[in-house]
Amino acid sequence: MEALKRANDIRSKRAQLKRDLKGENVKIQTLLLDPPEYVLTAKVIDMLMAVPKYGRVKTNRILNQCRISPSKTIGGLSERQRSELVALLRR
């Protein structure tokens, strides 16, 4: 029961974060540089697609350019991948 409660809590926090990204209350660059613990297991592609004007095609192009697999989680990004992705998103 404890694990189920924790999973539901993480899901609700991620859903709120996606709404904040969509409303531009949170910057994706800030999220990637200093991710909260509940986002570490989220897929990078899911968080990028929550940002306005970033669809599947644009997101896949960005991930390919940074040599990041679509199945990669935010916590699994290397420092090179993280900094390259943030630099590309800041353009």
C-alpha atoms as a PDB file:
ATOM      1  CA  MET A   1       0.000   0.000   0.000  1.00  0.00           C
ATOM      2  CA  GLU A   2       2.886   2.331   0.765  1.00  0.00           C
ATOM      3  CA  ALA A   3       4.413   1.802  -2.684  1.00  0.00           C
ATOM      4  CA  LEU A   4       1.056   2.467  -4.334  1.00  0.00           C
ATOM      5  CA  LYS A   5       0.635   5.691  -2.376  1.00  0.00           C
ATOM      6  CA  ARG A   6       4.139   6.805  -3.317  1.00  0.00           C
ATOM      7  CA  ALA A   7       3.572   5.997  -7.013  1.00  0.00           C
ATOM      8  CA  ASN A   8       0.306   7.947  -7.046  1.00  0.00           C
ATOM      9  CA  ASP A   9       2.011  10.895  -5.359  1.00  0.00           C
ATOM     10  CA  ILE A  10       4.795  10.904  -7.960  1.00  0.00           C
ATOM     11  CA  ARG A  11       2.257  10.697 -10.811  1.00  0.00           C
ATOM     12  CA  SER A  12       0.283  13.640  -9.484  1.00  0.00           C
ATOM     13  CA  LYS A  13       3.441  15.737  -8.999  1.00  0.00           C
ATOM     14  CA  ARG A  14       4.572  14.950 -12.563  1.00  0.00           C
ATOM     15  CA  ALA A  15       1.139  15.843 -13.932  1.00  0.00           C
ATOM     16  CA  GLN A  16       1.317  19.201 -12.128  1.00  0.00           C
ATOM     17  CA  LEU A  17       4.834  19.754 -13.459  1.00  0.00           C
ATOM     18  CA  LYS A  18       3.655  19.078 -17.025  1.00  0.00           C
ATOM     19  CA  ARG A  19       0.841  21.602 -16.537  1.00  0.00           C
ATOM     20  CA  ASP A  20       3.402  24.121 -15.243  1.00  0.00           C
ATOM     21  CA  LEU A  21       5.629  23.483 -18.274  1.00  0.00           C
ATOM     22  CA  LYS A  22       2.668  23.921 -20.590  1.00  0.00           C
ATOM     23  CA  GLY A  23       1.686  27.164 -18.831  1.00  0.00           C
ATOM     24  CA  GLU A  24       5.325  28.294 -18.994  1.00  0.00           C
ATOM     25  CA  ASN A  25       5.504  28.670 -15.207  1.00  0.00           C
ATOM     26  CA  VAL A  26       8.557  26.388 -15.152  1.00  0.00           C
ATOM     27  CA  LYS A  27      11.441  26.452 -17.648  1.00  0.00           C
ATOM     28  CA  ILE A  28      12.519  23.109 -19.091  1.00  0.00           C
ATOM     29  CA  GLN A  29      16.174  24.196 -18.847  1.00  0.00           C
ATOM     30  CA  THR A  30      15.846  24.688 -15.073  1.00  0.00           C
ATOM     31  CA  LEU A  31      14.161  21.321 -14.759  1.00  0.00           C
ATOM     32  CA  LEU A  32      16.960  19.567 -16.659  1.00  0.00           C
ATOM     33  CA  LEU A  33      19.784  21.258 -14.757  1.00  0.00           C
ATOM     34  CA  ASP A  34      18.333  20.715 -11.276  1.00  0.00           C
ATOM     35  CA  PRO A  35      15.621  18.039 -11.440  1.00  0.00           C
ATOM     36  CA  PRO A  36      13.507  17.251  -8.371  1.00  0.00           C
ATOM     37  CA  GLU A  37      13.658  13.650  -7.159  1.00  0.00           C
ATOM     38  CA  TYR A  38      10.208  12.738  -8.499  1.00  0.00           C
ATOM     39  CA  VAL A  39      11.277  13.653 -12.059  1.00  0.00           C
ATOM     40  CA  LEU A  40      14.452  11.549 -12.188  1.00  0.00           C
ATOM     41  CA  THR A  41      12.624   8.473 -13.507  1.00  0.00           C
ATOM     42  CA  ALA A  42      10.528  10.416 -16.050  1.00  0.00           C
ATOM     43  CA  LYS A  43      11.443  10.131 -19.722  1.00  0.00           C
ATOM     44  CA  VAL A  44      13.123  13.175 -21.265  1.00  0.00           C
ATOM     45  CA  ILE A  45      10.861  12.997 -24.331  1.00  0.00           C
ATOM     46  CA  ASP A  46       7.712  13.199 -22.166  1.00  0.00           C
ATOM     47  CA  MET A  47       8.927  16.326 -20.380  1.00  0.00           C
ATOM     48  CA  LEU A  48      10.009  17.993 -23.635  1.00  0.00           C
ATOM     49  CA  MET A  49       6.666  17.278 -25.270  1.00  0.00           C
ATOM     50  CA  ALA A  50       4.894  19.042 -22.390  1.00  0.00           C
ATOM     51  CA  VAL A  51       6.553  22.310 -23.460  1.00  0.00           C
ATOM     52  CA  PRO A  52       4.475  24.440 -25.859  1.00  0.00           C
ATOM     53  CA  LYS A  53       5.577  24.308 -29.520  1.00  0.00           C
ATOM     54  CA  TYR A  54       7.471  21.034 -28.979  1.00  0.00           C
ATOM     55  CA  GLY A  55       5.783  18.138 -30.750  1.00  0.00           C
ATOM     56  CA  ARG A  56       7.002  14.649 -31.467  1.00  0.00           C
ATOM     57  CA  VAL A  57       8.981  15.594 -34.614  1.00  0.00           C
ATOM     58  CA  LYS A  58      10.798  18.561 -33.085  1.00  0.00           C
ATOM     59  CA  THR A  59      11.486  16.659 -29.862  1.00  0.00           C
ATOM     60  CA  ASN A  60      12.895  13.649 -31.728  1.00  0.00           C
ATOM     61  CA  ARG A  61      15.088  15.933 -33.854  1.00  0.00           C
ATOM     62  CA  ILE A  62      16.503  17.584 -30.714  1.00  0.00           C
ATOM     63  CA  LEU A  63      17.150  14.241 -29.016  1.00  0.00           C
ATOM     64  CA  ASN A  64      18.882  12.870 -32.136  1.00  0.00           C
ATOM     65  CA  GLN A  65      21.035  15.976 -32.379  1.00  0.00           C
ATOM     66  CA  CYS A  66      22.156  15.526 -28.754  1.00  0.00           C
ATOM     67  CA  ARG A  67      22.574  11.749 -29.227  1.00  0.00           C
ATOM     68  CA  ILE A  68      19.974  10.922 -26.559  1.00  0.00           C
ATOM     69  CA  SER A  69      17.775   7.835 -26.805  1.00  0.00           C
ATOM     70  CA  PRO A  70      14.004   8.498 -26.668  1.00  0.00           C
ATOM     71  CA  SER A  71      13.767   6.005 -23.803  1.00  0.00           C
ATOM     72  CA  LYS A  72      16.336   7.883 -21.673  1.00  0.00           C
ATOM     73  CA  THR A  73      15.193   9.159 -18.275  1.00  0.00           C
ATOM     74  CA  ILE A  74      16.106  12.556 -16.866  1.00  0.00           C
ATOM     75  CA  GLY A  75      18.110  10.915 -14.089  1.00  0.00           C
ATOM     76  CA  GLY A  76      19.957   8.777 -16.637  1.00  0.00           C
ATOM     77  CA  LEU A  77      21.349  11.708 -18.625  1.00  0.00           C
ATOM     78  CA  SER A  78      25.106  12.159 -18.546  1.00  0.00           C
ATOM     79  CA  GLU A  79      26.535  15.604 -17.843  1.00  0.00           C
ATOM     80  CA  ARG A  80      27.466  15.979 -21.526  1.00  0.00           C
ATOM     81  CA  GLN A  81      23.970  15.088 -22.671  1.00  0.00           C
ATOM     82  CA  ARG A  82      22.379  17.346 -20.070  1.00  0.00           C
ATOM     83  CA  SER A  83      24.526  20.389 -20.920  1.00  0.00           C
ATOM     84  CA  GLU A  84      24.208  19.820 -24.688  1.00  0.00           C
ATOM     85  CA  LEU A  85      20.417  19.551 -24.417  1.00  0.00           C
ATOM     86  CA  VAL A  86      20.120  22.691 -22.290  1.00  0.00           C
ATOM     87  CA  ALA A  87      22.368  24.642 -24.658  1.00  0.00           C
ATOM     88  CA  LEU A  88      20.252  23.566 -27.634  1.00  0.00           C
ATOM     89  CA  LEU A  89      16.991  24.464 -25.876  1.00  0.00           C
ATOM     90  CA  ARG A  90      18.262  27.927 -24.916  1.00  0.00           C
ATOM     91  CA  ARG A  91      18.664  28.926 -28.580  1.00  0.00           C
END
